[in-house]
Protein backbone atom coordinates (compact mmCIF):
# COMPACT_ATOMS: atom_id res chain seq x y z
CA MET A 1 7.73 13.88 17.78
CA GLY A 2 9.78 10.13 16.49
CA SER A 3 7.21 8.35 17.98
CA GLU A 4 5.42 9.14 14.98
CA LYS A 5 7.97 8.08 12.65
CA GLU A 6 8.38 4.51 14.55
CA THR A 7 4.64 3.76 14.28
CA ASN A 8 2.52 3.95 11.19
CA HIS A 9 -0.19 2.05 12.45
CA LEU A 10 -3.72 3.63 12.14
CA LEU A 11 -4.98 0.97 14.58
CA ASP A 12 -3.72 -0.78 18.02
CA VAL A 13 -5.45 -2.87 19.63
CA ASN A 14 -2.98 -3.96 23.12
CA ASN A 15 -3.97 -6.29 25.23
CA ILE A 16 -7.84 -6.37 25.44
CA GLU A 17 -10.12 -8.38 27.54
CA VAL A 18 -13.73 -8.12 26.95
CA VAL A 19 -15.83 -9.02 29.42
CA TYR A 20 -20.06 -9.34 28.57
CA ASN A 21 -22.61 -9.05 31.25
CA ASP A 22 -19.49 -8.58 33.87
CA ILE A 23 -18.86 -12.26 33.93
CA VAL A 24 -18.09 -13.61 30.64
CA GLN A 25 -14.98 -12.76 29.23
CA VAL A 26 -14.86 -13.37 25.30
CA LEU A 27 -11.18 -11.90 24.60
CA ARG A 28 -8.28 -12.33 26.52
CA GLY A 29 -5.75 -10.19 25.44
CA VAL A 30 -6.13 -9.70 22.22
CA SER A 31 -3.29 -7.36 20.63
CA LEU A 32 -3.16 -6.06 16.36
CA SER A 33 -2.25 -3.73 14.75
CA VAL A 34 -3.21 -2.27 11.44
CA THR A 35 -0.68 -0.18 8.97
CA GLU A 36 -2.10 2.33 7.36
CA GLY A 37 -2.44 1.95 3.73
CA SER A 38 -2.75 -2.25 4.39
CA ILE A 39 -5.18 -5.39 3.99
CA VAL A 40 -5.43 -7.03 7.38
CA SER A 41 -7.37 -9.95 7.81
CA LEU A 42 -8.62 -11.56 11.02
CA LEU A 43 -9.28 -15.37 10.88
CA GLY A 44 -10.33 -18.23 12.95
CA THR A 45 -13.46 -20.75 13.13
CA ASN A 46 -16.93 -19.53 14.25
CA GLY A 47 -16.92 -18.10 18.10
CA ALA A 48 -13.29 -17.64 18.16
CA GLY A 49 -14.10 -13.82 18.81
CA LYS A 50 -12.86 -12.25 15.48
CA THR A 51 -16.44 -10.42 15.62
CA THR A 52 -16.49 -9.29 19.25
CA THR A 53 -12.56 -7.98 18.22
CA LEU A 54 -14.51 -5.59 15.52
CA ARG A 55 -17.21 -4.37 17.95
CA ALA A 56 -14.68 -3.75 20.41
CA ILE A 57 -12.64 -1.73 17.95
CA SER A 58 -16.19 0.54 16.71
CA GLY A 59 -17.43 0.76 19.57
CA LEU A 60 -20.62 -1.12 19.50
CA LEU A 61 -20.11 -3.71 22.46
CA LYS A 62 -22.45 -1.24 25.00
CA PRO A 63 -25.64 -2.68 23.36
CA GLU A 64 -24.92 -5.85 24.01
CA ASN A 65 -23.65 -4.91 27.72
CA GLY A 66 -19.97 -5.99 26.69
CA PHE A 67 -17.20 -3.91 27.52
CA ILE A 68 -13.30 -3.72 27.81
CA LYS A 69 -12.07 -4.31 30.58
CA ASP A 70 -8.41 -3.94 30.02
CA GLY A 71 -5.94 -3.22 27.87
CA HIS A 72 -6.31 -0.34 25.30
CA VAL A 73 -8.07 0.17 21.62
CA LYS A 74 -5.72 3.28 19.64
CA PHE A 75 -6.61 4.61 16.34
CA GLN A 76 -4.60 7.21 14.76
CA GLY A 77 -3.45 7.81 18.44
CA ASN A 78 -6.43 8.44 19.71
CA ASP A 79 -7.95 6.68 22.74
CA ILE A 80 -10.91 4.62 21.57
CA THR A 81 -11.50 2.29 24.44
CA ASN A 82 -14.90 1.97 25.30
CA VAL A 83 -15.77 4.50 23.10
CA LEU A 84 -19.28 5.06 21.68
CA GLY A 85 -19.27 3.95 17.97
CA THR A 86 -21.00 7.20 16.85
CA GLN A 87 -17.44 8.71 17.65
CA VAL A 88 -15.63 5.96 16.33
CA VAL A 89 -17.46 6.53 12.71
CA LYS A 90 -16.46 10.27 12.96
CA LEU A 91 -12.99 9.59 13.83
CA GLY A 92 -12.50 7.52 10.17
CA ALA A 93 -13.42 3.77 11.11
CA VAL A 94 -16.49 2.53 10.04
CA MET A 95 -17.58 -1.44 10.17
CA VAL A 96 -19.77 -3.08 7.80
CA PRO A 97 -21.59 -5.66 10.10
CA GLU A 98 -22.19 -9.41 9.22
CA GLY A 99 -25.76 -10.04 7.05
CA ARG A 100 -25.89 -7.07 4.80
CA ARG A 101 -27.90 -4.95 6.62
CA VAL A 102 -29.24 -3.05 4.03
CA PHE A 103 -32.24 -0.75 4.28
CA LYS A 104 -34.70 -2.83 1.90
CA HIS A 105 -37.63 -0.29 1.10
CA LEU A 106 -34.72 2.08 -0.36
CA THR A 107 -33.45 1.88 -3.79
CA VAL A 108 -30.14 1.09 -4.51
CA ASP A 109 -29.37 4.69 -4.46
CA GLU A 110 -30.69 5.65 -2.13
CA ASN A 111 -28.88 3.16 0.07
CA ILE A 112 -25.33 4.33 -0.73
CA ARG A 113 -26.32 7.98 -0.19
CA VAL A 114 -27.53 7.50 3.25
CA GLY A 115 -24.04 6.89 3.98
CA SER A 116 -22.69 10.15 3.22
CA ILE A 117 -25.31 11.85 5.86
CA THR A 118 -22.23 12.62 8.37
CA ARG A 119 -20.37 14.37 5.84
CA LYS A 120 -20.12 18.19 5.25
CA ASP A 121 -19.02 18.76 1.98
CA GLY A 122 -21.55 19.79 -0.33
CA SER A 123 -23.92 17.66 -2.71
CA GLN A 124 -21.56 18.20 -5.57
CA ASN A 125 -18.54 16.33 -3.97
CA ILE A 126 -21.80 13.90 -2.39
CA ARG A 127 -22.71 13.25 -5.87
CA LYS A 128 -19.25 13.00 -7.60
CA ASP A 129 -18.41 9.93 -4.82
CA GLN A 130 -21.61 7.98 -5.28
CA GLU A 131 -20.75 7.85 -9.30
CA LEU A 132 -17.11 6.14 -7.82
CA MET A 133 -19.34 3.54 -6.01
CA TYR A 134 -20.68 2.59 -9.57
CA ASP A 135 -16.94 2.34 -10.87
CA HIS A 136 -16.08 0.22 -7.99
CA PHE A 137 -19.42 -2.14 -7.85
CA PRO A 138 -19.68 -2.14 -11.70
CA ARG A 139 -22.85 -4.93 -10.47
CA LEU A 140 -24.68 -2.36 -8.93
CA SER A 141 -24.65 0.70 -11.86
CA ARG A 142 -27.56 -1.82 -13.57
CA VAL A 143 -29.76 -1.53 -10.27
CA THR A 144 -29.68 1.81 -9.01
CA ASN A 145 -33.65 2.30 -8.87
CA ARG A 146 -34.14 -1.35 -7.40
CA LEU A 147 -35.55 -1.82 -4.45
CA ALA A 148 -32.29 -3.12 -2.16
CA GLY A 149 -34.66 -5.85 -0.60
CA TYR A 150 -35.23 -7.68 -4.13
CA CYS A 151 -31.52 -7.35 -4.49
CA SER A 152 -29.18 -10.41 -4.21
CA GLY A 153 -26.94 -11.29 -1.12
CA GLY A 154 -24.25 -10.39 -3.72
CA GLU A 155 -25.70 -7.23 -4.61
CA GLN A 156 -26.91 -6.06 -0.82
CA GLN A 157 -23.62 -6.65 0.71
CA MET A 158 -21.54 -4.23 -2.32
CA ILE A 159 -24.54 -2.00 -1.71
CA ALA A 160 -23.47 -1.99 2.40
CA ILE A 161 -19.30 -1.46 1.18
CA ALA A 162 -20.39 1.48 -0.64
CA ARG A 163 -22.80 2.97 1.51
CA ALA A 164 -20.04 2.60 4.44
CA LEU A 165 -17.45 4.23 1.78
CA MET A 166 -19.38 7.02 1.22
CA SER A 167 -18.29 8.35 4.86
CA SER A 168 -15.27 8.74 3.79
CA PRO A 169 -14.00 6.42 6.11
CA LYS A 170 -9.56 6.39 6.66
CA MET A 171 -10.33 2.13 7.95
CA LEU A 172 -12.99 0.09 6.62
CA MET A 173 -13.92 -2.92 8.88
CA LEU A 174 -15.70 -5.73 6.78
CA ASP A 175 -17.50 -8.85 9.04
CA GLU A 176 -17.63 -12.05 7.35
CA PRO A 177 -17.89 -10.48 3.49
CA SER A 178 -18.06 -13.68 1.68
CA LEU A 179 -20.80 -15.62 4.25
CA GLY A 180 -23.80 -17.40 2.36
CA LEU A 181 -22.16 -16.39 -1.25
CA ALA A 182 -21.78 -18.14 -4.10
CA PRO A 183 -17.71 -18.50 -5.24
CA LEU A 184 -18.05 -16.51 -8.00
CA LEU A 185 -19.78 -13.42 -5.98
CA VAL A 186 -17.04 -13.96 -3.29
CA LYS A 187 -14.46 -13.68 -6.00
CA GLU A 188 -15.52 -10.86 -7.47
CA ILE A 189 -16.36 -8.73 -3.78
CA PHE A 190 -12.74 -9.44 -2.87
CA GLU A 191 -11.63 -7.91 -6.20
CA ASN A 192 -13.88 -4.90 -5.36
CA ILE A 193 -12.05 -4.51 -2.21
CA GLU A 194 -8.65 -5.03 -3.72
CA LYS A 195 -9.10 -1.75 -5.65
CA ILE A 196 -10.71 -0.02 -3.07
CA ASN A 197 -7.94 -0.18 -0.63
CA ARG A 198 -5.23 0.46 -3.74
CA GLU A 199 -7.62 3.28 -5.48
CA MET A 200 -9.25 4.89 -2.36
CA ASP A 201 -6.33 4.15 -0.22
CA THR A 202 -8.82 3.00 2.20
CA THR A 203 -7.29 0.72 5.08
CA LEU A 204 -8.99 -2.07 5.52
CA LEU A 205 -9.17 -5.19 8.23
CA ILE A 206 -11.52 -8.13 7.36
CA VAL A 207 -13.08 -10.92 9.30
CA GLU A 208 -13.38 -13.49 7.20
CA GLN A 209 -14.07 -17.82 7.63
CA ASN A 210 -12.91 -17.96 4.00
CA ALA A 211 -9.08 -18.05 5.29
CA LYS A 212 -7.58 -18.84 1.26
CA ILE A 213 -9.40 -15.64 -0.16
CA ALA A 214 -8.20 -13.52 3.12
CA LEU A 215 -5.08 -14.53 2.50
CA ASP A 216 -5.04 -13.87 -1.00
CA ILE A 217 -5.31 -10.19 -0.95
CA SER A 218 -4.37 -9.39 2.53
CA THR A 219 -0.29 -8.40 3.27
CA TYR A 220 -0.67 -9.55 7.04
CA ALA A 221 -3.29 -11.92 9.20
CA TYR A 222 -4.14 -12.51 12.99
CA ILE A 223 -6.01 -16.45 13.32
CA MET A 224 -7.73 -15.76 16.67
CA GLU A 225 -9.02 -19.09 18.59
CA SER A 226 -10.91 -19.28 21.85
CA GLY A 227 -10.73 -15.44 22.30
CA LYS A 228 -6.82 -15.16 21.73
CA ILE A 229 -4.78 -14.79 18.72
CA VAL A 230 -2.84 -17.70 18.15
CA LEU A 231 -0.83 -17.01 15.03
CA GLU A 232 0.14 -13.94 13.30
CA GLY A 233 2.58 -12.89 10.50
CA PRO A 234 2.57 -11.90 6.82
CA SER A 235 -0.42 -13.66 4.90
CA ASP A 236 1.90 -15.10 1.97
CA GLU A 237 3.81 -17.17 5.29
CA LEU A 238 0.83 -17.94 6.88
CA LYS A 239 -0.66 -19.51 3.41
CA ASN A 240 2.17 -22.01 3.61
CA ASN A 241 2.00 -22.80 6.84
CA PRO A 242 1.21 -26.29 7.26
CA ASP A 243 -1.31 -25.88 9.97
CA VAL A 244 -2.99 -23.13 8.77
CA LYS A 245 -3.36 -25.00 5.09
CA GLU A 246 -4.77 -28.13 7.38
CA PHE A 247 -7.26 -26.56 10.06
CA TYR A 248 -7.94 -23.20 8.74
CA MET A 249 -7.96 -23.69 4.39
CA GLY A 250 -9.25 -27.33 4.38
CA VAL A 251 -5.95 -28.83 2.52
CA THR A 252 -4.35 -32.02 3.95
CA GLN A 253 -0.92 -32.74 3.33
CA GLY A 254 -1.63 -34.89 0.72
CA GLY A 255 -3.42 -32.46 -1.44
């Protein structure tokens, strides 16, 4: 009874080790937690293990011959260690993979509606939520009938996030949402993300290489190197940490 009071963690990743093909160890004792209603960022350079961490949480390691060899992952108190991705989505944890995978031959509107496929609460509610997506991503409301394949990279990223939100997740995981986008679009997408967190009460775990923008919107952050968490703390503290400034934000002491 008391344990619920002690922790309002939506997600608990405890000391996980991930192995591919039974031999290649990618994660070495990774622990992190995400509190309900928060925005948490997971930072680090390319190849640090950030995406593997998201895949481990999302149940998406198996298609690539990966599995959690040690440790456990819990979501809302449910043990989801090595549980299949479809099951994890049903529990309310949804990942938007890197690379903006949209259905190119469907319109923007159709792409967004696909996200509601698992819902059982009637077309009226679904339609209402779809309209809400256009409130959150005004840019998409101008291209509803355009084929997603003809949309810009930024629009496709917005479609992918909106589609994931249509399944009414409790926690949304975003893998490199800023990748390959112009700074202005990155700013717009991160403003959208903040609004979603605030107005839809959606918890977010964001994997990013752009440390500055991720630390600006998150409450807490973890930094990974070589499959391990090397630093963690409130985002404001990490933003002012000289090492973080130098190695992850490209700011040297003089500037």
